[in-house]
């Protein structure tokens, strides 16, 4: 007798009203919050969502790029988000959220050890002064596909850019 497969249960996520879930909102209140994500379909898609305040609509940006490995796409998305922060809010400190642990670790390591530790990173986005961008950044990992509205918006934008 063949084994029966269990039905997949659809998990309903209730999105936060603000950019972050309530459990994190107080910790980052009043800060510029930036969410980045990448998607890989026929093409690669990068997205950045920038929240300057709870009452203001977010600034969004997306870009279609060649499809490459998912970790490299996520890193490109974080660099793209740093570039958007420099363009829209120059010199302002911000918190960058990524749902990719490798990206968070790599950028945090460069913040601590310096750009000489990872010269390939500088070459990925030459129009960005990476040292300046990272000097204003606080990098945080955030669980992907969670109740975080900022992450969900970035995920949707990246998916649309990847088509």
N, C-alpha and C. Protein backbone atom coordinates (compact mmCIF):
# COMPACT_ATOMS: atom_id res chain seq x y z
N UNK A 1 0.82 -1.18 0.00
CA UNK A 1 0.00 0.00 0.00
C UNK A 1 0.87 1.26 0.00
N UNK A 2 0.62 2.20 -0.92
CA UNK A 2 1.44 3.41 -0.95
C UNK A 2 1.19 4.28 0.28
N UNK A 3 2.26 4.99 0.63
CA UNK A 3 2.15 5.91 1.78
C UNK A 3 1.32 7.12 1.39
N UNK A 4 0.55 7.57 2.32
CA UNK A 4 -0.23 8.79 2.10
C UNK A 4 0.61 10.00 2.45
N UNK A 5 0.53 10.97 1.61
CA UNK A 5 1.24 12.22 1.90
C UNK A 5 0.34 13.11 2.72
N UNK A 6 0.94 13.75 3.68
CA UNK A 6 0.18 14.69 4.50
C UNK A 6 -0.11 15.94 3.69
N UNK A 7 -1.27 16.48 3.89
CA UNK A 7 -1.63 17.73 3.23
C UNK A 7 -0.80 18.86 3.82
N UNK A 8 -0.36 19.74 2.93
CA UNK A 8 0.36 20.91 3.41
C UNK A 8 -0.64 21.89 4.00
N UNK A 9 -0.32 22.37 5.16
CA UNK A 9 -1.16 23.37 5.80
C UNK A 9 -0.69 24.75 5.37
N UNK A 10 -1.61 25.57 4.98
CA UNK A 10 -1.27 26.94 4.65
C UNK A 10 -1.13 27.74 5.94
N UNK A 11 0.00 28.36 6.08
CA UNK A 11 0.25 29.16 7.27
C UNK A 11 -0.10 30.61 6.97
N UNK A 12 -0.98 31.16 7.72
CA UNK A 12 -1.40 32.54 7.52
C UNK A 12 -0.53 33.45 8.40
N UNK A 13 0.11 34.40 7.75
CA UNK A 13 0.93 35.37 8.48
C UNK A 13 0.19 36.69 8.53
N UNK A 14 0.08 37.24 9.68
CA UNK A 14 -0.56 38.55 9.85
C UNK A 14 0.54 39.60 9.86
N UNK A 15 0.51 40.45 8.85
CA UNK A 15 1.56 41.45 8.70
C UNK A 15 1.47 42.52 9.77
N UNK A 16 2.64 43.01 10.15
CA UNK A 16 2.70 44.09 11.12
C UNK A 16 2.13 45.36 10.50
N UNK A 17 1.60 46.23 11.34
CA UNK A 17 1.05 47.48 10.83
C UNK A 17 2.17 48.45 10.46
N UNK A 18 3.25 48.40 11.21
CA UNK A 18 4.42 49.22 10.91
C UNK A 18 5.44 48.41 10.13
N UNK A 19 6.60 48.98 9.87
CA UNK A 19 7.62 48.26 9.12
C UNK A 19 8.12 47.01 9.84
N UNK A 20 8.13 47.04 11.17
CA UNK A 20 8.61 45.92 11.98
C UNK A 20 7.50 45.35 12.84
N UNK A 21 7.61 44.08 13.23
CA UNK A 21 6.64 43.53 14.17
C UNK A 21 6.72 44.27 15.51
N UNK A 22 5.64 44.24 16.27
CA UNK A 22 5.59 44.97 17.54
C UNK A 22 6.72 44.58 18.49
N UNK A 23 7.14 43.32 18.46
CA UNK A 23 8.20 42.88 19.38
C UNK A 23 9.54 43.57 19.09
N UNK A 24 9.70 44.13 17.90
CA UNK A 24 10.95 44.81 17.53
C UNK A 24 10.78 46.31 17.35
N UNK A 25 9.56 46.77 17.24
CA UNK A 25 9.30 48.17 16.89
C UNK A 25 9.91 49.16 17.88
N UNK A 26 9.79 48.89 19.17
CA UNK A 26 10.33 49.83 20.17
C UNK A 26 11.85 49.93 20.10
N UNK A 27 12.49 48.84 19.80
CA UNK A 27 13.96 48.80 19.75
C UNK A 27 14.51 49.71 18.65
N UNK A 28 13.77 49.85 17.56
CA UNK A 28 14.25 50.62 16.42
C UNK A 28 13.40 51.86 16.15
N UNK A 29 12.65 52.31 17.13
CA UNK A 29 11.76 53.47 16.97
C UNK A 29 12.55 54.72 16.61
N UNK A 30 12.03 55.47 15.64
CA UNK A 30 12.65 56.73 15.24
C UNK A 30 13.84 56.59 14.32
N UNK A 31 14.21 55.38 13.94
CA UNK A 31 15.37 55.17 13.07
C UNK A 31 14.94 55.01 11.62
N UNK A 32 15.86 55.29 10.72
CA UNK A 32 15.66 54.99 9.31
C UNK A 32 15.84 53.49 9.16
N UNK A 33 14.81 52.80 8.66
CA UNK A 33 14.82 51.35 8.53
C UNK A 33 14.86 50.98 7.05
N UNK A 34 15.80 50.12 6.70
CA UNK A 34 15.96 49.70 5.31
C UNK A 34 15.88 48.18 5.25
N UNK A 35 15.05 47.69 4.35
CA UNK A 35 14.88 46.25 4.15
C UNK A 35 15.34 45.92 2.73
N UNK A 36 16.09 44.85 2.59
CA UNK A 36 16.55 44.44 1.27
C UNK A 36 16.22 42.97 1.06
N UNK A 37 16.04 42.62 -0.20
CA UNK A 37 15.78 41.22 -0.54
C UNK A 37 16.13 41.01 -2.01
N UNK A 38 16.30 39.74 -2.35
CA UNK A 38 16.60 39.35 -3.72
C UNK A 38 15.72 38.18 -4.10
N UNK A 39 15.52 38.02 -5.39
CA UNK A 39 14.73 36.91 -5.90
C UNK A 39 15.39 36.39 -7.16
N UNK A 40 15.28 35.10 -7.37
CA UNK A 40 15.88 34.49 -8.56
C UNK A 40 14.80 33.70 -9.28
N UNK A 41 14.42 34.18 -10.44
CA UNK A 41 13.47 33.48 -11.30
C UNK A 41 14.13 33.38 -12.66
N UNK A 42 13.51 33.90 -13.66
CA UNK A 42 14.16 33.92 -14.98
C UNK A 42 15.36 34.86 -14.96
N UNK A 43 15.21 35.95 -14.24
CA UNK A 43 16.29 36.92 -14.01
C UNK A 43 16.46 37.05 -12.51
N UNK A 44 17.43 37.83 -12.12
CA UNK A 44 17.58 38.16 -10.70
C UNK A 44 16.87 39.47 -10.42
N UNK A 45 16.35 39.62 -9.23
CA UNK A 45 15.69 40.85 -8.85
C UNK A 45 16.20 41.33 -7.51
N UNK A 46 16.49 42.61 -7.41
CA UNK A 46 16.96 43.24 -6.18
C UNK A 46 15.92 44.26 -5.74
N UNK A 47 15.75 44.40 -4.44
CA UNK A 47 14.79 45.37 -3.93
C UNK A 47 15.28 46.00 -2.64
N UNK A 48 14.91 47.25 -2.47
CA UNK A 48 15.20 47.99 -1.23
C UNK A 48 13.94 48.76 -0.85
N UNK A 49 13.58 48.70 0.42
CA UNK A 49 12.44 49.44 0.95
C UNK A 49 12.96 50.26 2.11
N UNK A 50 12.79 51.58 2.03
CA UNK A 50 13.33 52.49 3.03
C UNK A 50 12.18 53.19 3.76
N UNK A 51 12.15 53.02 5.07
CA UNK A 51 11.14 53.66 5.92
C UNK A 51 11.81 54.77 6.72
N UNK A 52 11.46 56.03 6.41
CA UNK A 52 12.02 57.16 7.14
C UNK A 52 11.22 57.44 8.41
N UNK A 53 9.98 57.00 8.46
CA UNK A 53 9.13 57.20 9.63
C UNK A 53 7.85 56.41 9.47
N UNK A 54 7.16 56.18 10.57
CA UNK A 54 5.93 55.39 10.53
C UNK A 54 4.82 56.06 9.74
N UNK A 55 4.78 57.39 9.75
CA UNK A 55 3.69 58.11 9.09
C UNK A 55 3.95 58.31 7.61
N UNK A 56 5.20 58.18 7.18
CA UNK A 56 5.55 58.43 5.79
C UNK A 56 5.50 57.14 4.97
N UNK A 57 5.11 57.24 3.72
CA UNK A 57 5.15 56.04 2.88
C UNK A 57 6.61 55.65 2.60
N UNK A 58 6.87 54.37 2.41
CA UNK A 58 8.26 53.95 2.19
C UNK A 58 8.75 54.36 0.81
N UNK A 59 10.05 54.58 0.72
CA UNK A 59 10.71 54.79 -0.56
C UNK A 59 11.11 53.39 -1.04
N UNK A 60 10.73 53.05 -2.26
CA UNK A 60 11.04 51.72 -2.78
C UNK A 60 11.87 51.83 -4.04
N UNK A 61 12.71 50.83 -4.25
CA UNK A 61 13.52 50.75 -5.46
C UNK A 61 13.76 49.29 -5.77
N UNK A 62 13.76 48.97 -7.06
CA UNK A 62 14.06 47.60 -7.48
C UNK A 62 14.87 47.64 -8.76
N UNK A 63 15.52 46.52 -9.03
CA UNK A 63 16.38 46.45 -10.20
C UNK A 63 16.45 45.00 -10.68
N UNK A 64 16.44 44.81 -11.99
CA UNK A 64 16.61 43.49 -12.57
C UNK A 64 18.09 43.31 -12.90
N UNK A 65 18.63 42.16 -12.52
CA UNK A 65 20.04 41.86 -12.75
C UNK A 65 20.13 40.44 -13.31
N UNK A 66 21.29 40.06 -13.85
CA UNK A 66 21.45 38.67 -14.29
C UNK A 66 21.31 37.71 -13.11
N UNK A 67 20.70 36.57 -13.37
CA UNK A 67 20.52 35.56 -12.31
C UNK A 67 21.86 34.90 -12.00
N UNK A 68 22.22 34.93 -10.71
CA UNK A 68 23.44 34.27 -10.23
C UNK A 68 23.06 33.50 -8.96
N UNK A 69 24.01 33.03 -8.22
CA UNK A 69 23.73 32.30 -6.99
C UNK A 69 22.91 33.13 -6.01
N UNK A 70 22.11 32.46 -5.21
CA UNK A 70 21.19 33.18 -4.33
C UNK A 70 21.92 34.00 -3.27
N UNK A 71 23.02 33.48 -2.70
CA UNK A 71 23.75 34.27 -1.70
C UNK A 71 24.37 35.52 -2.32
N UNK A 72 24.87 35.40 -3.55
CA UNK A 72 25.44 36.57 -4.22
C UNK A 72 24.36 37.58 -4.56
N UNK A 73 23.18 37.09 -4.94
CA UNK A 73 22.06 38.00 -5.20
C UNK A 73 21.65 38.74 -3.93
N UNK A 74 21.60 38.03 -2.81
CA UNK A 74 21.24 38.67 -1.54
C UNK A 74 22.28 39.72 -1.15
N UNK A 75 23.55 39.45 -1.41
CA UNK A 75 24.60 40.42 -1.12
C UNK A 75 24.45 41.64 -2.03
N UNK A 76 24.16 41.39 -3.32
CA UNK A 76 23.92 42.51 -4.24
C UNK A 76 22.72 43.34 -3.78
N UNK A 77 21.69 42.68 -3.26
CA UNK A 77 20.52 43.41 -2.78
C UNK A 77 20.88 44.31 -1.60
N UNK A 78 21.71 43.83 -0.70
CA UNK A 78 22.14 44.65 0.43
C UNK A 78 22.97 45.84 -0.04
N UNK A 79 23.86 45.63 -1.00
CA UNK A 79 24.65 46.74 -1.54
C UNK A 79 23.75 47.73 -2.29
N UNK A 80 22.76 47.21 -3.00
CA UNK A 80 21.79 48.07 -3.67
C UNK A 80 21.02 48.92 -2.65
N UNK A 81 20.66 48.32 -1.52
CA UNK A 81 19.97 49.05 -0.46
C UNK A 81 20.88 50.12 0.14
N UNK A 82 22.16 49.83 0.32
CA UNK A 82 23.11 50.84 0.81
C UNK A 82 23.20 52.01 -0.16
N UNK A 83 23.19 51.71 -1.45
CA UNK A 83 23.23 52.76 -2.47
C UNK A 83 21.97 53.62 -2.41
N UNK A 84 20.82 53.00 -2.23
CA UNK A 84 19.57 53.74 -2.13
C UNK A 84 19.56 54.63 -0.88
N UNK A 85 20.10 54.14 0.21
CA UNK A 85 20.18 54.94 1.44
C UNK A 85 21.06 56.17 1.21
N UNK A 86 22.19 55.97 0.52
CA UNK A 86 23.09 57.09 0.25
C UNK A 86 22.44 58.12 -0.68
N UNK A 87 21.63 57.66 -1.62
CA UNK A 87 20.96 58.57 -2.57
C UNK A 87 19.82 59.35 -1.92
N UNK A 88 18.99 58.66 -1.15
CA UNK A 88 17.79 59.28 -0.62
C UNK A 88 17.98 59.94 0.75
N UNK A 89 18.90 59.42 1.55
CA UNK A 89 19.12 59.93 2.91
C UNK A 89 20.62 60.03 3.19
N UNK A 90 21.33 60.89 2.45
CA UNK A 90 22.80 60.95 2.60
C UNK A 90 23.23 61.35 4.01
N UNK A 91 24.18 60.61 4.53
CA UNK A 91 24.76 60.92 5.84
C UNK A 91 23.91 60.53 7.03
N UNK A 92 22.73 60.01 6.80
CA UNK A 92 21.84 59.67 7.91
C UNK A 92 22.09 58.22 8.37
N UNK A 93 22.24 58.00 9.66
CA UNK A 93 22.41 56.63 10.14
C UNK A 93 21.14 55.81 9.93
N UNK A 94 21.31 54.52 9.70
CA UNK A 94 20.17 53.66 9.41
C UNK A 94 20.45 52.23 9.88
N UNK A 95 19.39 51.45 9.90
CA UNK A 95 19.48 50.03 10.21
C UNK A 95 19.08 49.26 8.97
N UNK A 96 19.96 48.38 8.52
CA UNK A 96 19.71 47.57 7.34
C UNK A 96 19.31 46.17 7.78
N UNK A 97 18.16 45.71 7.30
CA UNK A 97 17.66 44.37 7.62
C UNK A 97 17.78 43.49 6.39
N UNK A 98 18.35 42.32 6.56
CA UNK A 98 18.43 41.32 5.51
C UNK A 98 17.95 39.99 6.05
N UNK A 99 17.35 39.20 5.19
CA UNK A 99 16.91 37.88 5.64
C UNK A 99 17.91 36.79 5.27
N UNK A 100 19.12 37.19 4.90
CA UNK A 100 20.17 36.25 4.54
C UNK A 100 21.30 36.36 5.55
N UNK A 101 21.55 35.29 6.29
CA UNK A 101 22.58 35.35 7.35
C UNK A 101 23.98 35.55 6.78
N UNK A 102 24.28 34.95 5.63
CA UNK A 102 25.61 35.12 5.05
C UNK A 102 25.88 36.58 4.70
N UNK A 103 24.88 37.27 4.19
CA UNK A 103 25.03 38.68 3.86
C UNK A 103 25.26 39.51 5.12
N UNK A 104 24.48 39.25 6.16
CA UNK A 104 24.63 39.99 7.41
C UNK A 104 26.02 39.78 8.00
N UNK A 105 26.49 38.55 7.98
CA UNK A 105 27.81 38.23 8.53
C UNK A 105 28.91 38.89 7.71
N UNK A 106 28.81 38.81 6.39
CA UNK A 106 29.86 39.37 5.54
C UNK A 106 29.95 40.89 5.68
N UNK A 107 28.81 41.57 5.70
CA UNK A 107 28.84 43.02 5.85
C UNK A 107 29.30 43.44 7.25
N UNK A 108 28.88 42.71 8.26
CA UNK A 108 29.34 43.01 9.62
C UNK A 108 30.83 42.80 9.76
N UNK A 109 31.34 41.76 9.14
CA UNK A 109 32.79 41.48 9.19
C UNK A 109 33.57 42.61 8.53
N UNK A 110 33.07 43.13 7.40
CA UNK A 110 33.74 44.23 6.72
C UNK A 110 33.69 45.49 7.57
N UNK A 111 32.59 45.70 8.29
CA UNK A 111 32.50 46.85 9.19
C UNK A 111 33.59 46.79 10.26
N UNK A 112 33.84 45.61 10.79
CA UNK A 112 34.81 45.45 11.87
C UNK A 112 36.24 45.41 11.36
N UNK A 113 36.49 44.62 10.31
CA UNK A 113 37.86 44.38 9.84
C UNK A 113 38.32 45.35 8.75
N UNK A 114 37.39 46.04 8.11
CA UNK A 114 37.75 46.98 7.06
C UNK A 114 37.59 46.39 5.67
N UNK A 115 37.56 47.27 4.68
CA UNK A 115 37.35 46.86 3.29
C UNK A 115 38.51 46.06 2.72
N UNK A 116 39.70 46.24 3.26
CA UNK A 116 40.85 45.48 2.77
C UNK A 116 40.65 43.98 3.00
N UNK A 117 39.82 43.64 3.96
CA UNK A 117 39.54 42.23 4.27
C UNK A 117 38.71 41.56 3.16
N UNK A 118 37.93 42.34 2.40
CA UNK A 118 37.06 41.78 1.36
C UNK A 118 37.06 42.68 0.13
N UNK A 119 38.14 42.68 -0.67
CA UNK A 119 38.21 43.58 -1.83
C UNK A 119 37.17 43.26 -2.90
N UNK A 120 36.70 42.03 -2.98
CA UNK A 120 35.68 41.67 -3.98
C UNK A 120 34.38 42.43 -3.74
N UNK A 121 34.10 42.73 -2.50
CA UNK A 121 32.87 43.44 -2.14
C UNK A 121 32.86 44.85 -2.72
N UNK A 122 33.99 45.51 -2.70
CA UNK A 122 34.10 46.88 -3.22
C UNK A 122 33.86 46.88 -4.73
N UNK A 123 34.34 45.85 -5.41
CA UNK A 123 34.21 45.77 -6.87
C UNK A 123 32.78 45.48 -7.32
N UNK A 124 31.95 44.97 -6.44
CA UNK A 124 30.58 44.61 -6.81
C UNK A 124 29.71 45.83 -7.14
N UNK A 125 29.96 46.95 -6.49
CA UNK A 125 29.16 48.15 -6.72
C UNK A 125 30.09 49.37 -6.65
N UNK A 126 30.82 49.63 -7.75
CA UNK A 126 31.84 50.69 -7.71
C UNK A 126 31.30 52.09 -7.48
N UNK A 127 30.02 52.35 -7.84
CA UNK A 127 29.48 53.70 -7.67
C UNK A 127 29.14 54.02 -6.22
N UNK A 128 29.23 53.04 -5.34
CA UNK A 128 28.93 53.24 -3.93
C UNK A 128 30.22 53.37 -3.13
N UNK A 129 30.31 54.41 -2.30
CA UNK A 129 31.41 54.52 -1.35
C UNK A 129 31.05 53.60 -0.19
N UNK A 130 31.50 52.36 -0.28
CA UNK A 130 31.09 51.33 0.66
C UNK A 130 31.51 51.65 2.09
N UNK A 131 32.69 52.22 2.26
CA UNK A 131 33.16 52.57 3.61
C UNK A 131 32.23 53.60 4.24
N UNK A 132 31.82 54.58 3.45
CA UNK A 132 30.90 55.61 3.95
C UNK A 132 29.53 55.01 4.26
N UNK A 133 29.03 54.18 3.35
CA UNK A 133 27.72 53.55 3.56
C UNK A 133 27.69 52.68 4.80
N UNK A 134 28.71 51.87 4.99
CA UNK A 134 28.75 50.98 6.15
C UNK A 134 29.02 51.74 7.45
N UNK A 135 29.63 52.91 7.35
CA UNK A 135 29.88 53.70 8.56
C UNK A 135 28.58 54.17 9.20
N UNK A 136 27.55 54.35 8.39
CA UNK A 136 26.26 54.82 8.89
C UNK A 136 25.28 53.68 9.17
N UNK A 137 25.70 52.44 8.89
CA UNK A 137 24.78 51.31 8.94
C UNK A 137 24.91 50.48 10.21
N UNK A 138 23.79 49.96 10.62
CA UNK A 138 23.72 48.92 11.63
C UNK A 138 23.07 47.74 10.91
N UNK A 139 23.75 46.61 10.84
CA UNK A 139 23.29 45.46 10.05
C UNK A 139 22.60 44.46 10.96
N UNK A 140 21.40 44.02 10.55
CA UNK A 140 20.66 43.04 11.35
C UNK A 140 20.06 41.97 10.45
N UNK A 141 20.09 40.74 10.93
CA UNK A 141 19.41 39.65 10.26
C UNK A 141 17.97 39.61 10.76
N UNK A 142 17.06 39.34 9.85
CA UNK A 142 15.64 39.25 10.17
C UNK A 142 15.10 38.01 9.48
N UNK A 143 14.36 37.21 10.20
CA UNK A 143 13.81 35.99 9.63
C UNK A 143 12.94 36.33 8.41
N UNK A 144 13.22 35.68 7.30
CA UNK A 144 12.46 35.91 6.08
C UNK A 144 11.07 35.32 6.15
N UNK A 145 10.17 35.86 5.36
CA UNK A 145 8.79 35.38 5.26
C UNK A 145 8.12 35.34 6.64
N UNK A 146 8.36 36.38 7.40
CA UNK A 146 7.75 36.47 8.73
C UNK A 146 6.66 37.53 8.70
N UNK A 147 6.28 37.99 9.84
CA UNK A 147 5.20 38.98 9.91
C UNK A 147 5.69 40.41 9.73
N UNK A 148 6.90 40.58 9.28
CA UNK A 148 7.50 41.90 9.10
C UNK A 148 7.06 42.51 7.76
N UNK A 149 6.34 43.62 7.82
CA UNK A 149 5.82 44.25 6.61
C UNK A 149 6.94 44.75 5.71
N UNK A 150 8.02 45.28 6.28
CA UNK A 150 9.14 45.76 5.48
C UNK A 150 9.78 44.65 4.68
N UNK A 151 9.96 43.49 5.30
CA UNK A 151 10.55 42.35 4.61
C UNK A 151 9.61 41.82 3.53
N UNK A 152 8.33 41.81 3.80
CA UNK A 152 7.35 41.33 2.82
C UNK A 152 7.32 42.24 1.59
N UNK A 153 7.36 43.55 1.79
CA UNK A 153 7.40 44.50 0.67
C UNK A 153 8.65 44.30 -0.18
N UNK A 154 9.80 44.13 0.48
CA UNK A 154 11.05 43.91 -0.24
C UNK A 154 10.99 42.60 -1.03
N UNK A 155 10.42 41.57 -0.44
CA UNK A 155 10.29 40.28 -1.11
C UNK A 155 9.41 40.40 -2.35
N UNK A 156 8.28 41.10 -2.24
CA UNK A 156 7.37 41.27 -3.37
C UNK A 156 8.04 42.08 -4.50
N UNK A 157 8.74 43.14 -4.14
CA UNK A 157 9.42 43.97 -5.15
C UNK A 157 10.51 43.18 -5.85
N UNK A 158 11.27 42.41 -5.11
CA UNK A 158 12.35 41.61 -5.70
C UNK A 158 11.78 40.57 -6.65
N UNK A 159 10.66 39.94 -6.25
CA UNK A 159 10.01 38.96 -7.11
C UNK A 159 9.52 39.57 -8.41
N UNK A 160 8.95 40.76 -8.32
CA UNK A 160 8.46 41.45 -9.51
C UNK A 160 9.62 41.84 -10.43
N UNK A 161 10.74 42.22 -9.87
CA UNK A 161 11.91 42.62 -10.68
C UNK A 161 12.59 41.41 -11.33
N UNK A 162 12.38 40.23 -10.77
CA UNK A 162 13.04 39.02 -11.29
C UNK A 162 12.31 38.41 -12.48
N UNK A 163 11.11 38.85 -12.80
CA UNK A 163 10.35 38.25 -13.92
C UNK A 163 10.94 38.60 -15.24
